[in-house]
Protein backbone atom coordinates (compact mmCIF):
# COMPACT_ATOMS: atom_id res chain seq x y z
CA MET A 1 16.49 -39.03 28.36
CA SER A 2 18.40 -40.37 31.12
CA ARG A 3 20.04 -37.64 33.05
CA GLN A 4 24.40 -38.65 33.82
CA ALA A 5 24.60 -39.56 37.13
CA LEU A 6 26.26 -36.92 39.61
CA LEU A 7 27.70 -39.43 42.11
CA PRO A 8 30.41 -42.01 41.04
CA ARG A 9 30.04 -45.26 41.87
CA THR A 10 32.72 -45.21 44.68
CA ALA A 11 30.43 -42.50 46.51
CA PRO A 12 29.98 -44.11 50.23
CA PHE A 13 26.58 -44.89 49.72
CA GLY A 14 23.97 -47.70 48.05
CA ASP A 15 23.02 -47.95 45.07
CA THR A 16 19.80 -46.89 46.16
CA GLU A 17 20.74 -43.98 48.13
CA ARG A 18 23.06 -42.54 45.05
CA ALA A 19 20.01 -42.73 43.18
CA SER A 20 17.90 -40.76 45.50
CA LEU A 21 20.50 -38.04 45.75
CA ASP A 22 21.15 -37.89 42.17
CA ALA A 23 17.37 -37.48 41.48
CA VAL A 24 17.63 -34.48 44.03
CA LEU A 25 20.94 -32.80 43.33
CA GLY A 26 20.31 -32.79 39.43
CA THR A 27 17.65 -30.89 39.44
CA ALA A 28 18.53 -28.40 41.90
CA THR A 29 19.92 -24.93 40.75
CA PRO A 30 23.19 -23.82 42.06
CA ILE A 31 21.52 -21.48 44.57
CA GLN A 32 20.07 -24.57 46.12
CA ARG A 33 23.03 -26.58 46.04
CA ALA A 34 24.93 -23.85 47.37
CA TRP A 35 22.37 -23.80 50.39
CA LEU A 36 22.94 -27.50 50.78
CA ALA A 37 26.40 -26.98 50.79
CA GLY A 38 26.30 -24.76 53.66
CA PHE A 39 23.85 -26.50 55.16
CA LEU A 40 25.81 -29.66 55.65
CA ALA A 41 29.22 -27.93 56.55
CA GLY A 42 27.08 -26.29 59.30
CA LEU A 43 26.22 -29.37 60.47
CA ASP A 44 29.47 -31.34 60.37
CA ALA A 45 30.83 -27.76 62.32
CA ALA A 46 28.26 -29.16 65.09
CA GLY A 47 29.58 -32.44 65.38
CA GLY A 48 27.24 -34.05 62.79
CA GLN A 49 24.57 -33.08 65.60
CA PRO A 50 21.76 -30.80 64.45
CA ALA A 51 21.20 -27.66 67.16
CA SER A 52 19.93 -27.90 70.18
CA ALA A 53 17.05 -25.24 69.27
CA PRO A 54 15.14 -26.01 66.01
CA ALA A 55 16.25 -24.20 63.20
CA ALA A 56 13.96 -21.61 61.56
CA PRO A 57 12.27 -23.27 58.81
CA PRO A 58 13.11 -22.06 55.27
CA LYS A 59 11.21 -18.75 54.71
CA ALA A 60 8.49 -18.51 51.92
CA ALA A 61 9.50 -16.87 48.40
CA GLU A 62 7.91 -13.63 48.23
CA PRO A 63 5.54 -13.50 45.59
CA LEU A 64 6.82 -10.82 42.35
CA ALA A 65 4.43 -9.69 39.75
CA ILE A 66 6.65 -8.35 37.30
CA VAL A 67 4.64 -7.16 34.08
CA TYR A 68 5.91 -5.68 31.09
CA ALA A 69 4.95 -3.57 27.84
CA SER A 70 6.44 -4.40 25.05
CA GLU A 71 6.76 -3.77 21.27
CA SER A 72 10.28 -4.46 19.90
CA GLY A 73 11.53 -7.11 23.10
CA ASN A 74 13.70 -5.26 25.36
CA SER A 75 10.70 -4.91 27.95
CA GLU A 76 10.29 -8.47 27.75
CA LYS A 77 13.71 -9.59 27.59
CA LEU A 78 14.43 -7.04 30.68
CA ALA A 79 11.04 -8.67 32.21
CA GLY A 80 13.07 -12.15 32.05
CA ASP A 81 16.31 -10.87 33.92
CA VAL A 82 14.00 -9.69 36.61
CA ALA A 83 12.43 -13.22 36.99
CA LYS A 84 15.78 -14.61 36.78
CA LEU A 85 17.70 -12.60 39.76
CA ALA A 86 14.35 -12.61 41.72
CA ARG A 87 14.50 -16.18 42.09
CA LYS A 88 18.08 -15.93 43.22
CA SER A 89 16.97 -13.29 45.95
CA GLY A 90 14.24 -14.95 47.67
CA PHE A 91 11.25 -14.24 45.42
CA LYS A 92 8.68 -15.90 43.81
CA PRO A 93 8.40 -13.94 40.68
CA LYS A 94 5.30 -14.30 37.79
CA VAL A 95 6.11 -12.65 34.51
CA ILE A 96 3.06 -10.94 32.89
CA ASP A 97 3.05 -9.57 29.30
CA PHE A 98 0.56 -6.47 29.39
CA ALA A 99 -1.66 -7.76 26.54
CA ASP A 100 -2.61 -10.97 29.30
CA LEU A 101 -2.66 -8.59 32.37
CA GLU A 102 -6.08 -8.87 34.17
CA LEU A 103 -6.76 -6.02 36.56
CA ALA A 104 -8.72 -7.73 38.79
CA ASN A 105 -5.30 -10.10 39.40
CA LEU A 106 -2.82 -6.96 39.74
CA ALA A 107 -4.99 -5.95 42.34
CA LYS A 108 -4.28 -8.84 44.43
CA GLU A 109 -0.59 -8.37 44.28
CA LYS A 110 1.79 -7.28 46.91
CA ARG A 111 4.70 -6.18 45.19
CA ILE A 112 4.99 -5.03 41.27
CA VAL A 113 7.52 -4.46 38.96
CA ALA A 114 6.39 -3.09 35.63
CA ILE A 115 8.44 -2.60 32.42
CA ALA A 116 7.25 -0.37 29.85
CA ALA A 117 8.44 0.71 26.25
CA THR A 118 7.01 4.10 24.72
CA TRP A 119 6.16 3.78 21.18
CA GLY A 120 5.62 6.58 18.41
CA GLU A 121 4.94 9.40 19.71
CA GLY A 122 3.83 8.50 23.45
CA GLU A 123 1.93 5.46 22.68
CA PRO A 124 1.66 2.01 24.45
CA PRO A 125 3.06 -1.14 22.30
CA ALA A 126 0.06 -2.46 20.15
CA ARG A 127 0.22 -5.42 22.54
CA ALA A 128 -0.82 -3.08 25.89
CA VAL A 129 -2.95 -0.75 24.63
CA ARG A 130 -6.14 -2.82 25.96
CA ALA A 131 -5.26 -3.25 29.66
CA TYR A 132 -3.09 -0.15 29.59
CA ASN A 133 -6.51 1.77 28.71
CA GLU A 134 -7.97 -0.16 31.42
CA LEU A 135 -5.57 0.70 34.01
CA MET A 136 -5.68 4.68 33.26
CA GLY A 137 -9.58 4.19 33.40
CA ASP A 138 -12.71 5.29 35.82
CA GLY A 139 -12.69 1.47 36.21
CA ALA A 140 -9.05 0.53 37.66
CA PRO A 141 -9.52 -1.05 40.88
CA ARG A 142 -6.97 0.30 43.67
CA LEU A 143 -3.85 -0.98 44.51
CA ASP A 144 -3.61 0.10 48.55
CA GLY A 145 -1.21 -1.98 49.99
CA ALA A 146 0.79 -2.69 47.14
CA GLU A 147 4.71 -1.70 46.41
CA PHE A 148 5.91 -0.91 43.20
CA SER A 149 8.84 0.08 41.07
CA VAL A 150 9.02 1.19 37.55
CA LEU A 151 11.48 0.19 34.55
CA ALA A 152 10.58 2.90 31.38
CA LEU A 153 12.24 2.92 28.18
CA GLY A 154 12.08 5.36 25.33
CA ASP A 155 14.14 6.78 22.65
CA THR A 156 15.32 10.54 23.11
CA SER A 157 14.76 10.92 19.80
CA TYR A 158 11.07 11.21 20.46
CA ALA A 159 9.28 14.19 22.09
CA GLU A 160 7.63 11.86 24.38
CA PHE A 161 10.36 10.30 26.02
CA CYS A 162 9.62 6.92 28.08
CA ALA A 163 5.74 8.72 28.85
CA ILE A 164 4.23 5.08 28.99
CA GLY A 165 6.45 4.38 31.82
CA LYS A 166 6.25 7.59 33.33
CA ALA A 167 2.44 7.24 33.61
CA LEU A 168 2.58 4.11 34.80
CA ASP A 169 4.26 5.18 37.44
CA GLU A 170 2.05 8.07 38.48
CA ARG A 171 -1.15 5.93 38.06
CA PHE A 172 0.13 3.32 40.24
CA GLU A 173 0.70 5.74 42.70
CA ALA A 174 -2.91 7.33 42.50
CA LEU A 175 -4.59 4.09 42.67
CA GLY A 176 -2.93 3.58 46.60
CA ALA A 177 0.31 1.66 45.67
CA LYS A 178 3.47 3.02 47.39
CA ARG A 179 6.61 3.46 45.38
CA ALA A 180 9.68 1.39 46.60
CA PHE A 181 12.34 1.98 44.49
CA GLU A 182 12.32 5.57 42.18
CA ARG A 183 11.70 4.72 38.14
CA ALA A 184 14.30 4.56 35.47
CA ASP A 185 13.91 6.31 32.10
CA LEU A 186 16.42 4.66 29.87
CA ASP A 187 17.27 5.32 26.55
CA LEU A 188 18.39 2.55 23.73
CA ASP A 189 21.39 2.17 25.48
CA PHE A 190 19.85 0.85 28.44
CA ASP A 191 22.07 -2.29 29.10
CA LYS A 192 23.89 -1.71 32.00
CA PRO A 193 21.75 1.17 33.69
CA ALA A 194 18.99 -1.38 33.66
CA ALA A 195 21.05 -4.08 35.61
CA GLU A 196 21.69 -1.64 38.04
CA TRP A 197 18.12 -0.49 38.63
CA ILE A 198 16.96 -4.20 38.32
CA LYS A 199 19.03 -4.75 41.69
CA GLY A 200 18.15 -1.73 43.73
CA ALA A 201 14.38 -1.86 43.06
CA LEU A 202 14.47 -5.97 43.96
CA LYS A 203 16.65 -4.86 46.87
CA ALA A 204 13.75 -2.25 47.80
CA LEU A 205 11.01 -4.62 47.03
CA ALA A 206 12.26 -7.23 49.68
CA PRO A 207 10.90 -7.87 52.53
CA PRO A 208 12.43 -6.09 55.67
CA ALA A 209 13.45 -9.61 57.19
CA ALA A 210 14.75 -10.66 53.94
CA ALA A 211 18.38 -8.57 54.22
CA ALA A 212 19.31 -10.57 57.51
CA ASP A 213 17.76 -14.08 56.24
CA ASN A 214 19.58 -15.51 53.77
CA VAL A 215 17.87 -18.73 53.78
CA VAL A 216 15.73 -19.19 51.33
CA ALA A 217 12.66 -21.83 50.75
CA VAL A 218 14.46 -24.14 48.26
CA ASP A 219 11.75 -25.41 45.54
CA PHE A 220 13.34 -29.02 44.07
CA ALA A 221 10.53 -29.71 41.71
CA ARG A 222 11.55 -26.69 39.14
CA GLY A 223 14.04 -29.37 37.18
CA GLY A 224 17.44 -29.33 37.00
CA HIS A 225 17.06 -27.20 33.65
CA ASP A 226 17.89 -22.97 33.96
CA GLU A 227 14.12 -21.92 32.71
CA ASP A 228 15.62 -18.28 31.99
CA ALA A 229 18.45 -19.53 29.61
CA GLU A 230 18.29 -18.17 26.34
CA PRO A 231 20.43 -19.52 23.02
CA SER A 232 22.97 -17.32 22.37
CA ARG A 233 22.49 -14.33 20.60
CA ASP A 234 25.53 -12.71 20.41
CA PRO A 235 26.64 -10.19 17.28
CA VAL A 236 28.52 -12.56 14.74
CA VAL A 237 29.90 -11.39 11.29
CA VAL A 238 28.27 -12.66 8.66
CA GLU A 239 29.08 -12.16 4.28
CA VAL A 240 26.28 -10.47 2.03
CA VAL A 241 26.06 -12.81 -0.92
CA ASP A 242 23.33 -11.07 -2.64
CA HIS A 243 22.41 -7.73 -2.91
CA VAL A 244 19.55 -6.42 -5.26
CA ASN A 245 17.56 -3.32 -5.96
CA LEU A 246 13.51 -4.78 -6.03
CA ASN A 247 12.53 -1.52 -7.31
CA SER A 248 12.64 -0.83 -11.10
CA SER A 249 14.88 1.81 -12.32
CA ARG A 250 12.18 4.20 -12.58
CA SER A 251 11.09 3.79 -9.22
CA ASP A 252 11.33 7.14 -6.84
CA LYS A 253 12.08 4.35 -4.24
CA GLU A 254 14.96 1.96 -3.63
CA THR A 255 14.07 -1.72 -1.78
CA ILE A 256 17.41 -3.66 -1.12
CA HIS A 257 16.77 -7.54 -1.04
CA LEU A 258 20.25 -8.85 0.78
CA ALA A 259 21.18 -12.19 1.56
CA LEU A 260 23.50 -13.25 4.33
CA ALA A 261 25.51 -16.18 4.68
CA PHE A 262 26.43 -17.55 7.94
CA GLU A 263 29.78 -19.08 8.45
CA ASP A 264 28.80 -21.45 11.33
CA GLY A 265 25.51 -22.11 10.68
CA ALA A 266 22.40 -19.70 10.70
CA PRO A 267 21.17 -18.91 13.92
CA ALA A 268 17.85 -21.22 15.06
CA TYR A 269 15.61 -18.12 13.61
CA GLU A 270 12.01 -18.47 12.91
CA PRO A 271 9.50 -16.64 10.53
CA GLY A 272 8.17 -13.83 12.67
CA ASP A 273 11.93 -12.39 13.96
CA SER A 274 14.09 -9.84 13.16
CA LEU A 275 17.74 -9.35 12.58
CA GLU A 276 19.68 -6.34 13.97
CA ILE A 277 22.30 -4.91 11.88
CA TYR A 278 25.44 -2.83 13.23
CA PRO A 279 25.34 -0.44 10.70
CA GLU A 280 28.22 2.71 10.07
CA ASN A 281 27.40 6.29 9.87
CA ASP A 282 28.18 7.64 6.41
CA PRO A 283 31.75 8.73 5.96
CA GLN A 284 30.86 12.38 4.93
CA LEU A 285 28.66 13.18 7.92
CA VAL A 286 31.66 12.28 10.10
CA GLU A 287 33.90 14.06 8.45
CA ASP A 288 31.16 17.76 8.12
CA ILE A 289 30.83 17.03 11.70
CA LEU A 290 35.03 16.40 12.75
CA LYS A 291 35.46 19.97 10.69
CA ALA A 292 32.16 21.92 11.93
CA ALA A 293 34.15 20.69 15.48
CA GLY A 294 37.86 21.59 14.43
CA LEU A 295 38.59 18.17 15.02
CA THR A 296 39.64 16.57 11.69
CA GLY A 297 43.13 15.55 12.76
CA ASP A 298 41.68 13.40 15.28
CA GLU A 299 42.11 10.03 13.78
CA ALA A 300 40.38 7.92 16.54
CA LEU A 301 37.67 10.56 17.33
CA ARG A 302 36.90 9.62 12.90
CA ARG A 303 36.73 5.56 13.52
CA ALA A 304 34.51 6.06 16.93
CA LEU A 305 32.22 9.08 15.03
CA LEU A 306 32.15 6.30 12.12
CA ALA A 307 30.99 3.47 13.81
CA GLU A 308 30.31 3.59 17.32
CA ARG A 309 28.42 6.53 18.30
CA ASP A 310 25.31 8.29 17.25
CA ILE A 311 26.07 11.06 15.24
CA THR A 312 22.48 11.84 13.43
CA THR A 313 19.71 11.86 16.77
CA LEU A 314 19.41 15.46 17.94
CA SER A 315 17.22 15.71 21.04
CA ALA A 316 16.16 18.15 23.65
CA THR A 317 18.61 15.67 26.00
CA THR A 318 21.20 16.31 22.95
CA VAL A 319 20.95 20.01 23.45
CA GLU A 320 20.71 19.70 27.14
CA ARG A 321 24.45 17.74 27.18
CA PHE A 322 25.74 20.37 24.69
CA VAL A 323 25.25 23.26 26.65
CA LYS A 324 26.98 21.60 29.74
CA ALA A 325 29.86 20.28 27.78
CA THR A 326 30.01 23.76 25.98
CA GLY A 327 28.20 26.33 28.75
CA HIS A 328 26.89 27.72 25.28
CA GLU A 329 24.85 30.42 26.14
CA GLU A 330 22.77 31.11 22.99
CA ALA A 331 22.10 27.45 23.07
CA LYS A 332 20.92 27.84 26.73
CA ARG A 333 18.92 30.45 25.91
CA LEU A 334 16.98 28.13 23.13
CA ILE A 335 16.41 25.91 26.05
CA GLU A 336 15.39 28.34 28.56
CA SER A 337 12.84 29.76 25.75
CA GLY A 338 11.06 26.32 25.82
CA GLU A 339 11.65 26.67 22.07
CA VAL A 340 14.40 23.68 21.67
CA ARG A 341 11.59 20.86 21.01
CA ALA A 342 10.39 22.73 18.06
CA TRP A 343 13.89 23.56 16.50
CA ILE A 344 15.39 20.32 17.04
CA GLU A 345 12.25 18.86 14.63
CA GLY A 346 13.87 17.61 11.11
CA ARG A 347 17.51 18.49 12.28
CA HIS A 348 20.51 16.62 13.03
CA LEU A 349 23.64 16.76 15.58
CA ILE A 350 25.54 18.84 12.49
CA ASP A 351 22.68 21.74 12.63
CA LEU A 352 23.43 22.24 16.25
CA ILE A 353 27.22 22.12 16.40
CA GLU A 354 27.18 24.31 13.33
CA THR A 355 24.39 26.75 14.49
CA TYR A 356 26.12 27.09 17.98
CA PRO A 357 29.58 26.81 16.98
CA ALA A 358 31.49 26.32 20.31
CA LYS A 359 35.46 24.75 21.06
CA LEU A 360 34.88 21.24 21.30
CA THR A 361 37.10 18.56 22.72
CA ALA A 362 36.26 14.27 21.90
CA GLU A 363 35.24 14.47 25.28
CA HIS A 364 32.40 16.80 24.54
CA LEU A 365 30.96 15.14 20.94
CA ASN A 366 31.53 11.34 23.18
CA ALA A 367 29.54 13.20 26.02
CA VAL A 368 26.94 14.45 23.93
CA THR A 369 26.50 11.81 21.37
CA ARG A 370 25.23 8.47 22.66
CA PRO A 371 26.55 4.95 21.46
CA LEU A 372 25.07 3.87 17.58
CA PRO A 373 22.28 1.48 18.09
CA PRO A 374 21.75 -1.54 15.81
CA ARG A 375 18.69 -1.52 13.53
CA ALA A 376 16.22 -4.63 13.19
CA TYR A 377 14.67 -5.82 10.60
CA SER A 378 12.53 -8.66 9.89
CA ILE A 379 13.88 -11.58 8.14
CA ALA A 380 12.29 -12.04 4.81
CA SER A 381 13.38 -16.17 4.62
CA SER A 382 12.74 -19.67 5.88
CA ARG A 383 15.57 -21.73 6.97
CA LYS A 384 13.50 -24.95 5.53
CA GLU A 385 14.01 -22.95 2.19
CA VAL A 386 17.10 -21.05 2.35
CA GLY A 387 19.60 -23.02 4.64
CA ASP A 388 22.40 -20.74 6.56
CA GLU A 389 20.86 -17.17 4.77
CA VAL A 390 19.09 -14.92 6.17
CA HIS A 391 17.18 -12.65 3.84
CA LEU A 392 16.38 -9.11 4.55
CA VAL A 393 14.49 -6.43 2.87
CA ILE A 394 15.40 -2.80 3.55
CA ALA A 395 14.30 0.38 2.06
CA ALA A 396 16.67 2.91 1.71
CA VAL A 397 15.41 6.36 3.43
CA ARG A 398 16.69 9.66 2.01
CA TYR A 399 14.84 12.66 2.48
CA GLU A 400 15.41 16.65 2.83
CA THR A 401 15.14 18.80 5.41
CA HIS A 402 16.47 22.83 6.68
CA GLY A 403 18.10 22.57 3.12
CA ARG A 404 20.52 19.54 4.18
CA SER A 405 20.01 15.86 2.36
CA ARG A 406 19.53 13.31 5.39
CA SER A 407 19.55 9.81 5.22
CA GLY A 408 18.89 6.06 7.35
CA VAL A 409 22.24 5.54 8.86
CA ALA A 410 21.27 1.56 8.76
CA SER A 411 19.29 1.45 5.59
CA VAL A 412 21.56 3.96 3.10
CA HIS A 413 24.70 2.51 4.57
CA VAL A 414 23.32 -0.70 3.26
CA ALA A 415 22.03 0.52 -0.26
CA ASP A 416 25.16 2.69 -0.79
CA ARG A 417 28.31 1.31 1.05
CA ILE A 418 27.23 -2.58 1.28
CA ARG A 419 27.79 -4.80 -2.11
CA ASN A 420 28.56 -8.44 -2.90
CA GLY A 421 31.76 -9.86 -0.48
CA ALA A 422 30.63 -7.45 2.14
CA LYS A 423 30.97 -7.94 5.84
CA LEU A 424 28.18 -7.15 8.49
CA ARG A 425 27.77 -7.71 11.88
CA VAL A 426 24.19 -8.73 13.39
CA LYS A 427 22.77 -10.37 16.22
CA LEU A 428 19.37 -12.66 16.17
CA LYS A 429 16.61 -10.69 18.10
CA PRO A 430 13.53 -13.08 18.31
CA ASN A 431 9.98 -12.52 18.42
CA ARG A 432 7.67 -14.64 20.07
CA HIS A 433 4.69 -12.60 19.70
CA PHE A 434 4.90 -12.64 16.04
CA ARG A 435 4.83 -16.18 15.03
CA LEU A 436 2.64 -18.80 12.42
CA PRO A 437 -0.19 -20.86 13.92
CA ALA A 438 0.77 -24.11 15.54
CA ASP A 439 -1.36 -26.01 13.24
CA PRO A 440 -0.73 -25.80 9.78
CA ALA A 441 -4.04 -26.37 8.73
CA THR A 442 -5.13 -23.11 10.13
CA ASP A 443 -5.68 -20.26 7.37
CA ILE A 444 -3.11 -17.11 7.35
CA ILE A 445 -4.02 -13.50 5.94
CA MET A 446 -1.38 -11.68 5.71
CA VAL A 447 -1.21 -7.44 5.62
CA GLY A 448 1.92 -5.98 4.27
CA PRO A 449 2.55 -3.14 2.43
CA GLY A 450 6.08 -1.98 0.86
CA THR A 451 8.79 -3.93 3.40
CA GLY A 452 6.04 -4.95 5.71
CA VAL A 453 6.12 -7.73 3.36
CA ALA A 454 8.84 -9.27 4.54
CA PRO A 455 7.93 -11.79 7.12
CA PHE A 456 5.32 -13.26 5.30
CA ARG A 457 8.07 -14.05 2.53
CA ALA A 458 9.47 -16.34 5.50
CA PHE A 459 5.71 -17.27 6.10
CA VAL A 460 4.85 -18.52 2.61
CA GLN A 461 8.31 -20.41 2.35
CA GLU A 462 7.72 -21.67 5.83
CA ARG A 463 4.52 -23.32 4.59
CA ARG A 464 5.84 -24.16 1.73
CA ALA A 465 8.73 -26.46 2.56
CA ALA A 466 6.11 -28.01 5.47
CA GLU A 467 3.25 -28.65 2.79
CA ALA A 468 0.89 -26.51 5.17
CA PRO A 469 -2.32 -27.40 4.24
CA GLY A 470 -3.65 -24.30 5.69
CA ARG A 471 -5.04 -21.37 3.13
CA SER A 472 -2.93 -18.11 2.84
CA TRP A 473 -4.20 -14.88 1.69
CA LEU A 474 -1.60 -11.85 1.00
CA PHE A 475 -2.32 -8.39 0.86
CA PHE A 476 0.07 -6.33 -0.32
CA GLY A 477 0.63 -2.75 -1.37
CA ASP A 478 3.18 -0.02 -2.57
CA ARG A 479 3.30 2.74 -5.02
CA HIS A 480 3.07 1.66 -8.48
CA PHE A 481 2.27 -1.94 -10.16
CA THR A 482 4.91 -1.63 -12.36
CA HIS A 483 8.26 -0.08 -10.15
CA ASP A 484 7.46 -1.15 -6.83
CA PHE A 485 5.84 -4.67 -6.75
CA LEU A 486 8.14 -6.15 -4.37
CA TYR A 487 8.89 -10.19 -5.40
CA GLN A 488 6.40 -10.03 -7.70
CA LEU A 489 7.56 -13.25 -9.75
CA GLU A 490 7.89 -15.03 -6.45
CA TRP A 491 4.33 -14.31 -5.40
CA GLN A 492 3.01 -15.84 -8.80
CA ASP A 493 4.95 -18.61 -8.04
CA ALA A 494 3.17 -19.18 -5.02
CA LEU A 495 0.01 -18.84 -6.46
CA GLU A 496 1.06 -21.45 -9.25
CA ASP A 497 1.85 -24.29 -6.32
CA ARG A 498 -0.59 -23.32 -3.40
CA SER A 499 1.68 -21.95 -1.31
CA LEU A 500 -0.23 -18.61 -1.50
CA THR A 501 -3.92 -18.96 -1.90
CA GLN A 502 -4.78 -15.85 -2.96
CA ILE A 503 -3.12 -12.11 -2.89
CA ASP A 504 -5.04 -8.64 -3.21
CA VAL A 505 -2.98 -5.69 -4.15
CA ALA A 506 -3.20 -1.87 -3.65
CA PHE A 507 -0.78 0.53 -5.83
CA SER A 508 -1.98 4.17 -4.36
CA ARG A 509 -0.19 6.00 -7.02
CA ASP A 510 -2.06 4.24 -10.08
CA GLN A 511 -4.83 5.78 -10.14
CA PRO A 512 -6.06 9.41 -9.44
CA GLU A 513 -7.68 8.54 -6.05
CA LYS A 514 -4.75 6.95 -3.79
CA ILE A 515 -5.88 3.26 -2.50
CA TYR A 516 -4.42 1.32 0.27
CA VAL A 517 -4.15 -1.77 2.10
CA GLN A 518 -7.01 -1.05 4.23
CA ASP A 519 -9.01 -0.13 1.32
CA ARG A 520 -8.77 -3.70 -0.35
CA LEU A 521 -9.60 -5.08 3.61
CA PHE A 522 -12.64 -3.36 3.67
CA GLU A 523 -13.50 -4.34 0.11
CA ARG A 524 -13.11 -7.57 0.65
CA ARG A 525 -14.79 -7.60 4.21
CA ARG A 526 -17.58 -10.37 3.67
CA GLU A 527 -14.41 -13.03 2.54
CA LEU A 528 -12.40 -11.51 5.12
CA VAL A 529 -14.69 -12.12 8.17
CA GLU A 530 -15.62 -15.45 6.84
CA TRP A 531 -11.88 -16.56 7.05
CA LEU A 532 -11.83 -15.25 10.81
CA ASP A 533 -14.74 -16.87 11.67
CA ALA A 534 -13.53 -19.97 10.45
CA GLY A 535 -10.31 -19.78 12.53
CA ALA A 536 -8.06 -17.98 10.60
CA HIS A 537 -5.22 -15.77 12.07
CA LEU A 538 -4.68 -11.89 10.54
CA TYR A 539 -1.14 -10.76 10.36
CA VAL A 540 -0.06 -7.26 10.09
CA CYS A 541 3.63 -5.56 9.72
CA GLY A 542 4.97 -2.28 8.61
CA ASP A 543 4.19 1.17 9.54
CA ALA A 544 2.71 1.69 13.26
CA LYS A 545 1.76 5.58 12.95
CA ASN A 546 -1.11 5.16 10.17
CA MET A 547 -1.33 2.22 7.90
CA ALA A 548 -1.52 -0.61 10.63
CA LYS A 549 -4.32 2.01 12.67
CA ASP A 550 -5.97 2.24 9.33
CA VAL A 551 -5.52 -1.68 8.87
CA ARG A 552 -7.18 -2.35 12.30
CA ALA A 553 -10.10 -0.03 12.03
CA ALA A 554 -11.38 -1.67 8.69
CA VAL A 555 -11.29 -4.64 10.67
CA VAL A 556 -13.31 -3.36 12.80
CA ARG A 557 -15.56 -1.62 10.25
CA SER A 558 -15.70 -4.98 8.19
CA TYR A 559 -16.96 -7.20 11.32
CA ALA A 560 -19.41 -3.88 11.91
CA ASP A 561 -20.88 -3.98 8.34
CA VAL A 562 -20.86 -7.73 7.55
CA LYS A 563 -22.37 -9.09 10.53
CA GLY A 564 -24.43 -5.50 11.36
CA LEU A 565 -22.52 -5.03 14.77
CA SER A 566 -22.39 -2.03 16.73
CA ASP A 567 -19.20 0.11 16.90
CA ALA A 568 -18.64 -1.28 20.49
CA GLU A 569 -19.41 -4.84 19.59
CA ALA A 570 -17.10 -4.60 16.45
CA GLU A 571 -14.18 -3.32 18.50
CA ALA A 572 -14.81 -5.94 21.14
CA ALA A 573 -14.77 -8.28 18.02
CA VAL A 574 -11.61 -7.30 16.75
CA ALA A 575 -10.13 -7.15 20.77
CA GLY A 576 -11.28 -10.58 21.26
CA LEU A 577 -9.16 -11.82 18.34
CA GLU A 578 -6.16 -10.08 19.48
CA ARG A 579 -6.77 -11.34 23.11
CA ALA A 580 -6.74 -14.88 21.82
CA GLN A 581 -3.46 -14.31 19.54
CA ARG A 582 -5.03 -14.32 16.31
CA TYR A 583 -4.49 -10.49 15.50
CA GLN A 584 -0.82 -9.79 15.58
CA GLN A 585 1.10 -6.88 14.72
CA ASP A 586 4.56 -6.26 13.89
CA VAL A 587 4.97 -2.40 13.56
CA TYR A 588 7.57 0.09 13.40
């Protein structure tokens, strides 16, 4: 596609000169054009002559390594934000996924920014496990002479808040690197503090002369497009056009198939992406909190608690904020006793307010709570089949602890208070690390029990629409065949039209001994290894705490048994699949 000329034909240049200038200016970034404008203005002020002393050559951009460990994509996005600002600040950044990190190369870096999420109970994201373990191991190389800064992401509802970022911060220092900027530990509402931290870290990492030298090496070879630009993913309002419980009336589970219609066309999502839902809290829980706080007459606060504040999460940080806001002596003693983490287990904010009554204000509740975050769900549809819709599969979360009924904020909002015609606010969350193979002839193996089957419904729809010649194999599991076989008829249709080659199921409660998808995998281990040896890609979606680990262990055992490998050799074989991006996980 030809580029539109920037200079008009009336510009005081010949055709050749005008074309040359267009070629340069058309590929320049805004900062490069600003530099040229300043240079030309200075030249003009000097009477059109160069200064008597030769100007210093542009300073070479300083290399900056930005490494990230991400599960849901937040760390990856922030790494991109760092790179974008770093380029404008005179750095030459390179962004490195922990999954691709080689420690020997990291040891050569002199400036490092690390952005790390903590997953589950203090664990690194699945893609980061290999490099993280190597970095923490005895064989890790020294980082003498390097400077670093660490940004840690976490969730205060977990006991090991930001554990991985904290561990990296300590490890870099132990390996001889110098901390250039203090670590920040950020909760789910990280956008603003992360932006401030990025500015501070880049300023601290800049070489001493950079603050007084605004001359940046101009790299016109980067091209005219903004490499950091992303399609807009602002929240939009959608309409619910289908709301169906996929479980039978006799099931003890409730799984909602939700179809959402976009008025201006569905966003450009791909199979493997997620959609974030902005939910509302349970109105009854809001009333209970207002009553316990003595604030039932505050309508503005009621609206805020309903749609803007997180009123379920209870963490040690929440209790500390409560004590700071109220000065409650008994709650303070709970913290001082060291028993606060044990006490908050299974409890919510309402338990804190009822157990430690205090005179509260709207300002107190705002200070104690954090913004209500959206919840992400794997997209269960392909645009090639459903057009301007997005389908989700959401299991309603209901349980009881400490004598009180509890529920998942978003899942029960969808299950109980959303019906056809209702409106929801949503936002696309891409996941480039959970993608179908580029070659449609590549075989795929999909392991998705329960709602983990969602992206694989999208995979099958996409491959059907593309008439992909590659084989596909699904492992699905749930509790009961009769009541919990999600999308059973669709899978039967897919088998008939060959968009699904085969399916293996595991219904854990249909026999005395519990059988899970990992058991089926090992039962089919010979065929499993044959597919993988022939180039198949393996995908796992669902529970991270148990299922994903058990599935991986089953694949390792399969390699060991089928190929006669030692445990270490089988582990290396599966690690090789992960490094080649042929073993991908989307876990939660």
